[in-house]
Amino acid sequence: MLHRPVELAQYTSFAFTEALRDSGLAGSIGSVGDALDNALMESTIGLYKSELIDRQRSWTGRAEVERETAAWVHWYNTERLHSAIGYCPPVEYETRYRETVASEAEVA
């Protein structure tokens, strides 16, 4: 029987996480056993593929894919409306959040 490699290994190694912490570094994924990061990334990759990659009939080369990917990421973060955050772009939502936190800190 074949198993996917992720089924045979820990999601994130405890030793690796400790080594990052001891070096003063932060990992790019969440805590050990936190599969939420993977679910969110899978969702984003699905959107990327359906909104950009699959719409293009053919690509002229790697440079074009990289250029269009950068443009898509910029659009996704600055213009695309996200229902989970009140139908606004992530940059706008984060700006409002930071302003709220700063205002609350001034009051406290």
N, C-alpha and C. Protein backbone atom coordinates (compact mmCIF):
# COMPACT_ATOMS: atom_id res chain seq x y z
N MET A 1 0.84 -1.17 0.00
CA MET A 1 0.00 0.00 0.00
C MET A 1 0.89 1.24 0.00
N LEU A 2 0.55 2.21 -0.82
CA LEU A 2 1.30 3.46 -0.88
C LEU A 2 0.65 4.49 0.04
N HIS A 3 1.47 5.27 0.69
CA HIS A 3 1.00 6.35 1.55
C HIS A 3 1.61 7.66 1.07
N ARG A 4 0.87 8.70 1.22
CA ARG A 4 1.43 10.02 0.93
C ARG A 4 2.51 10.30 1.97
N PRO A 5 3.61 10.95 1.60
CA PRO A 5 4.70 11.20 2.55
C PRO A 5 4.26 11.94 3.80
N VAL A 6 3.29 12.86 3.68
CA VAL A 6 2.87 13.64 4.84
C VAL A 6 2.23 12.74 5.90
N GLU A 7 1.67 11.61 5.48
CA GLU A 7 1.04 10.71 6.43
C GLU A 7 2.07 9.95 7.26
N LEU A 8 3.30 9.89 6.78
CA LEU A 8 4.34 9.13 7.46
C LEU A 8 5.24 10.01 8.31
N ALA A 9 5.07 11.30 8.30
CA ALA A 9 5.95 12.20 9.03
C ALA A 9 5.14 13.18 9.86
N GLN A 10 5.80 13.76 10.85
CA GLN A 10 5.14 14.81 11.62
C GLN A 10 4.92 16.01 10.71
N TYR A 11 3.87 16.77 11.00
CA TYR A 11 3.58 17.95 10.20
C TYR A 11 4.76 18.91 10.26
N THR A 12 5.28 19.15 11.45
CA THR A 12 6.45 19.99 11.64
C THR A 12 7.29 19.37 12.74
N SER A 13 8.54 19.24 12.54
CA SER A 13 9.44 18.61 13.50
C SER A 13 9.60 19.48 14.75
N PHE A 14 9.47 18.85 15.92
CA PHE A 14 9.71 19.55 17.18
C PHE A 14 11.15 20.06 17.22
N ALA A 15 12.11 19.23 16.81
CA ALA A 15 13.52 19.62 16.84
C ALA A 15 13.78 20.83 15.93
N PHE A 16 13.16 20.83 14.76
CA PHE A 16 13.34 21.95 13.83
C PHE A 16 12.75 23.23 14.42
N THR A 17 11.56 23.12 15.01
CA THR A 17 10.91 24.27 15.63
C THR A 17 11.78 24.83 16.75
N GLU A 18 12.34 23.96 17.58
CA GLU A 18 13.21 24.40 18.67
C GLU A 18 14.48 25.05 18.13
N ALA A 19 15.04 24.50 17.06
CA ALA A 19 16.25 25.08 16.47
C ALA A 19 15.97 26.49 15.94
N LEU A 20 14.82 26.68 15.32
CA LEU A 20 14.44 28.02 14.87
C LEU A 20 14.35 28.98 16.04
N ARG A 21 13.62 28.56 17.08
CA ARG A 21 13.43 29.41 18.26
C ARG A 21 14.77 29.75 18.90
N ASP A 22 15.64 28.75 19.06
CA ASP A 22 16.95 28.96 19.68
C ASP A 22 17.82 29.92 18.87
N SER A 23 17.57 29.99 17.57
CA SER A 23 18.32 30.88 16.69
C SER A 23 17.67 32.25 16.56
N GLY A 24 16.55 32.45 17.26
CA GLY A 24 15.85 33.72 17.19
C GLY A 24 15.08 33.91 15.90
N LEU A 25 14.71 32.82 15.27
CA LEU A 25 13.97 32.87 14.01
C LEU A 25 12.54 32.40 14.20
N ALA A 26 11.66 32.86 13.32
CA ALA A 26 10.27 32.42 13.33
C ALA A 26 10.01 31.60 12.08
N GLY A 27 9.32 30.49 12.23
CA GLY A 27 8.97 29.67 11.09
C GLY A 27 7.89 30.32 10.25
N SER A 28 7.78 29.90 9.02
CA SER A 28 6.77 30.47 8.13
C SER A 28 5.44 29.73 8.21
N ILE A 29 5.37 28.71 9.05
CA ILE A 29 4.12 28.00 9.27
C ILE A 29 3.80 28.03 10.74
N GLY A 30 2.63 27.58 11.11
CA GLY A 30 2.19 27.63 12.49
C GLY A 30 2.84 26.60 13.38
N SER A 31 2.20 26.33 14.47
CA SER A 31 2.74 25.43 15.47
C SER A 31 2.70 23.97 15.00
N VAL A 32 3.40 23.14 15.72
CA VAL A 32 3.45 21.71 15.40
C VAL A 32 2.04 21.14 15.44
N GLY A 33 1.68 20.41 14.42
CA GLY A 33 0.37 19.77 14.37
C GLY A 33 -0.76 20.69 13.96
N ASP A 34 -0.46 21.93 13.58
CA ASP A 34 -1.48 22.90 13.21
C ASP A 34 -1.71 22.83 11.70
N ALA A 35 -2.67 22.03 11.30
CA ALA A 35 -2.93 21.82 9.87
C ALA A 35 -3.68 22.98 9.24
N LEU A 36 -4.12 23.95 10.04
CA LEU A 36 -4.87 25.08 9.49
C LEU A 36 -4.05 25.82 8.45
N ASP A 37 -2.76 26.00 8.70
CA ASP A 37 -1.92 26.69 7.73
C ASP A 37 -1.99 26.01 6.37
N ASN A 38 -1.92 24.70 6.36
CA ASN A 38 -1.97 23.95 5.12
C ASN A 38 -3.32 24.14 4.43
N ALA A 39 -4.40 24.12 5.19
CA ALA A 39 -5.74 24.29 4.60
C ALA A 39 -5.87 25.67 3.97
N LEU A 40 -5.38 26.69 4.64
CA LEU A 40 -5.45 28.04 4.09
C LEU A 40 -4.61 28.16 2.82
N MET A 41 -3.44 27.55 2.84
CA MET A 41 -2.57 27.60 1.67
C MET A 41 -3.18 26.83 0.50
N GLU A 42 -3.77 25.68 0.79
CA GLU A 42 -4.42 24.90 -0.27
C GLU A 42 -5.53 25.72 -0.92
N SER A 43 -6.28 26.47 -0.12
CA SER A 43 -7.35 27.31 -0.65
C SER A 43 -6.79 28.40 -1.55
N THR A 44 -5.71 29.04 -1.10
CA THR A 44 -5.09 30.10 -1.89
C THR A 44 -4.51 29.56 -3.19
N ILE A 45 -3.86 28.41 -3.11
CA ILE A 45 -3.31 27.80 -4.33
C ILE A 45 -4.43 27.46 -5.31
N GLY A 46 -5.56 26.99 -4.79
CA GLY A 46 -6.70 26.69 -5.66
C GLY A 46 -7.20 27.93 -6.38
N LEU A 47 -7.29 29.05 -5.65
CA LEU A 47 -7.70 30.31 -6.28
C LEU A 47 -6.69 30.75 -7.33
N TYR A 48 -5.43 30.68 -6.98
CA TYR A 48 -4.35 31.05 -7.91
C TYR A 48 -4.45 30.25 -9.21
N LYS A 49 -4.65 28.96 -9.07
CA LYS A 49 -4.72 28.11 -10.26
C LYS A 49 -5.97 28.41 -11.08
N SER A 50 -7.11 28.60 -10.42
CA SER A 50 -8.34 28.83 -11.19
C SER A 50 -8.43 30.25 -11.73
N GLU A 51 -7.90 31.23 -11.01
CA GLU A 51 -8.02 32.63 -11.43
C GLU A 51 -6.90 33.08 -12.37
N LEU A 52 -5.77 32.38 -12.36
CA LEU A 52 -4.67 32.80 -13.22
C LEU A 52 -4.16 31.68 -14.12
N ILE A 53 -3.68 30.64 -13.53
CA ILE A 53 -2.98 29.60 -14.29
C ILE A 53 -3.90 28.91 -15.30
N ASP A 54 -5.08 28.47 -14.88
CA ASP A 54 -5.97 27.73 -15.77
C ASP A 54 -6.65 28.61 -16.81
N ARG A 55 -6.69 29.92 -16.59
CA ARG A 55 -7.33 30.81 -17.56
C ARG A 55 -6.44 31.08 -18.77
N GLN A 56 -5.15 30.98 -18.55
CA GLN A 56 -4.20 31.20 -19.64
C GLN A 56 -4.08 29.93 -20.47
N ARG A 57 -4.29 30.01 -21.76
CA ARG A 57 -4.22 28.82 -22.61
C ARG A 57 -2.79 28.29 -22.71
N SER A 58 -1.83 29.17 -22.84
CA SER A 58 -0.43 28.74 -22.87
C SER A 58 0.44 29.88 -22.36
N TRP A 59 1.62 29.52 -21.90
CA TRP A 59 2.56 30.50 -21.36
C TRP A 59 3.79 30.51 -22.25
N THR A 60 4.39 31.68 -22.42
CA THR A 60 5.57 31.79 -23.28
C THR A 60 6.83 31.29 -22.58
N GLY A 61 6.78 31.19 -21.27
CA GLY A 61 7.95 30.71 -20.53
C GLY A 61 7.85 31.03 -19.05
N ARG A 62 8.88 30.63 -18.34
CA ARG A 62 8.91 30.81 -16.89
C ARG A 62 8.83 32.28 -16.49
N ALA A 63 9.53 33.14 -17.22
CA ALA A 63 9.53 34.57 -16.89
C ALA A 63 8.11 35.14 -16.93
N GLU A 64 7.32 34.73 -17.90
CA GLU A 64 5.94 35.22 -17.99
C GLU A 64 5.12 34.73 -16.80
N VAL A 65 5.28 33.47 -16.44
CA VAL A 65 4.55 32.93 -15.28
C VAL A 65 4.93 33.68 -14.02
N GLU A 66 6.22 33.93 -13.83
CA GLU A 66 6.68 34.66 -12.64
C GLU A 66 6.13 36.08 -12.62
N ARG A 67 6.17 36.77 -13.76
CA ARG A 67 5.67 38.14 -13.84
C ARG A 67 4.17 38.19 -13.56
N GLU A 68 3.42 37.29 -14.18
CA GLU A 68 1.97 37.27 -13.98
C GLU A 68 1.59 36.82 -12.56
N THR A 69 2.39 35.94 -11.98
CA THR A 69 2.15 35.52 -10.60
C THR A 69 2.33 36.71 -9.66
N ALA A 70 3.41 37.48 -9.85
CA ALA A 70 3.64 38.66 -9.02
C ALA A 70 2.49 39.65 -9.16
N ALA A 71 2.00 39.85 -10.38
CA ALA A 71 0.87 40.76 -10.61
C ALA A 71 -0.39 40.23 -9.93
N TRP A 72 -0.61 38.91 -9.98
CA TRP A 72 -1.79 38.31 -9.36
C TRP A 72 -1.73 38.46 -7.84
N VAL A 73 -0.57 38.22 -7.25
CA VAL A 73 -0.42 38.36 -5.80
C VAL A 73 -0.69 39.80 -5.38
N HIS A 74 -0.17 40.76 -6.14
CA HIS A 74 -0.42 42.17 -5.84
C HIS A 74 -1.92 42.47 -5.91
N TRP A 75 -2.57 42.02 -6.97
CA TRP A 75 -4.01 42.22 -7.12
C TRP A 75 -4.77 41.55 -5.98
N TYR A 76 -4.40 40.32 -5.65
CA TYR A 76 -5.06 39.55 -4.59
C TYR A 76 -5.00 40.29 -3.27
N ASN A 77 -3.87 40.91 -2.97
CA ASN A 77 -3.70 41.60 -1.69
C ASN A 77 -4.25 43.01 -1.66
N THR A 78 -4.32 43.68 -2.81
CA THR A 78 -4.68 45.10 -2.80
C THR A 78 -6.04 45.42 -3.41
N GLU A 79 -6.59 44.52 -4.23
CA GLU A 79 -7.85 44.84 -4.91
C GLU A 79 -8.95 43.80 -4.73
N ARG A 80 -8.60 42.54 -4.67
CA ARG A 80 -9.61 41.47 -4.61
C ARG A 80 -10.39 41.57 -3.31
N LEU A 81 -11.71 41.52 -3.41
CA LEU A 81 -12.57 41.60 -2.23
C LEU A 81 -12.69 40.22 -1.60
N HIS A 82 -12.49 40.15 -0.29
CA HIS A 82 -12.52 38.89 0.45
C HIS A 82 -13.73 38.88 1.37
N SER A 83 -14.60 37.92 1.18
CA SER A 83 -15.83 37.85 1.97
C SER A 83 -15.57 37.64 3.45
N ALA A 84 -14.52 36.90 3.80
CA ALA A 84 -14.25 36.59 5.20
C ALA A 84 -13.84 37.82 6.01
N ILE A 85 -13.45 38.89 5.34
CA ILE A 85 -13.02 40.10 6.05
C ILE A 85 -13.85 41.31 5.63
N GLY A 86 -15.13 41.08 5.42
CA GLY A 86 -16.05 42.18 5.15
C GLY A 86 -15.99 42.74 3.74
N TYR A 87 -15.66 41.91 2.78
CA TYR A 87 -15.61 42.30 1.38
C TYR A 87 -14.70 43.50 1.14
N CYS A 88 -13.50 43.40 1.68
CA CYS A 88 -12.48 44.41 1.40
C CYS A 88 -11.16 43.69 1.12
N PRO A 89 -10.23 44.36 0.48
CA PRO A 89 -8.93 43.74 0.20
C PRO A 89 -8.12 43.56 1.49
N PRO A 90 -7.25 42.56 1.55
CA PRO A 90 -6.45 42.32 2.76
C PRO A 90 -5.63 43.53 3.21
N VAL A 91 -5.06 44.28 2.29
CA VAL A 91 -4.25 45.44 2.67
C VAL A 91 -5.11 46.46 3.41
N GLU A 92 -6.31 46.70 2.91
CA GLU A 92 -7.22 47.64 3.56
C GLU A 92 -7.63 47.13 4.94
N TYR A 93 -7.95 45.86 5.03
CA TYR A 93 -8.35 45.27 6.31
C TYR A 93 -7.22 45.37 7.33
N GLU A 94 -6.02 45.06 6.90
CA GLU A 94 -4.87 45.10 7.82
C GLU A 94 -4.57 46.53 8.25
N THR A 95 -4.70 47.48 7.34
CA THR A 95 -4.49 48.89 7.69
C THR A 95 -5.49 49.33 8.75
N ARG A 96 -6.76 49.00 8.54
CA ARG A 96 -7.79 49.35 9.54
C ARG A 96 -7.51 48.69 10.88
N TYR A 97 -7.08 47.41 10.84
CA TYR A 97 -6.77 46.69 12.07
C TYR A 97 -5.63 47.38 12.82
N ARG A 98 -4.56 47.72 12.12
CA ARG A 98 -3.42 48.38 12.77
C ARG A 98 -3.82 49.73 13.35
N GLU A 99 -4.66 50.47 12.63
CA GLU A 99 -5.13 51.76 13.14
C GLU A 99 -5.96 51.57 14.41
N THR A 100 -6.80 50.54 14.43
CA THR A 100 -7.61 50.25 15.61
C THR A 100 -6.74 49.88 16.80
N VAL A 101 -5.75 49.03 16.58
CA VAL A 101 -4.85 48.62 17.65
C VAL A 101 -4.07 49.82 18.17
N ALA A 102 -3.60 50.68 17.27
CA ALA A 102 -2.85 51.87 17.68
C ALA A 102 -3.74 52.81 18.49
N SER A 103 -5.00 52.99 18.06
CA SER A 103 -5.93 53.85 18.79
C SER A 103 -6.21 53.31 20.18
N GLU A 104 -6.39 52.00 20.28
CA GLU A 104 -6.65 51.38 21.58
C GLU A 104 -5.44 51.50 22.49
N ALA A 105 -4.24 51.43 21.92
CA ALA A 105 -3.01 51.55 22.72
C ALA A 105 -2.87 52.97 23.26
N GLU A 106 -3.27 53.97 22.46
CA GLU A 106 -3.20 55.36 22.91
C GLU A 106 -4.17 55.62 24.05
N VAL A 107 -5.34 54.99 24.01
CA VAL A 107 -6.35 55.17 25.04
C VAL A 107 -5.90 54.52 26.34
N ALA A 108 -5.24 53.39 26.25
CA ALA A 108 -4.83 52.62 27.43
C ALA A 108 -3.68 53.23 28.17
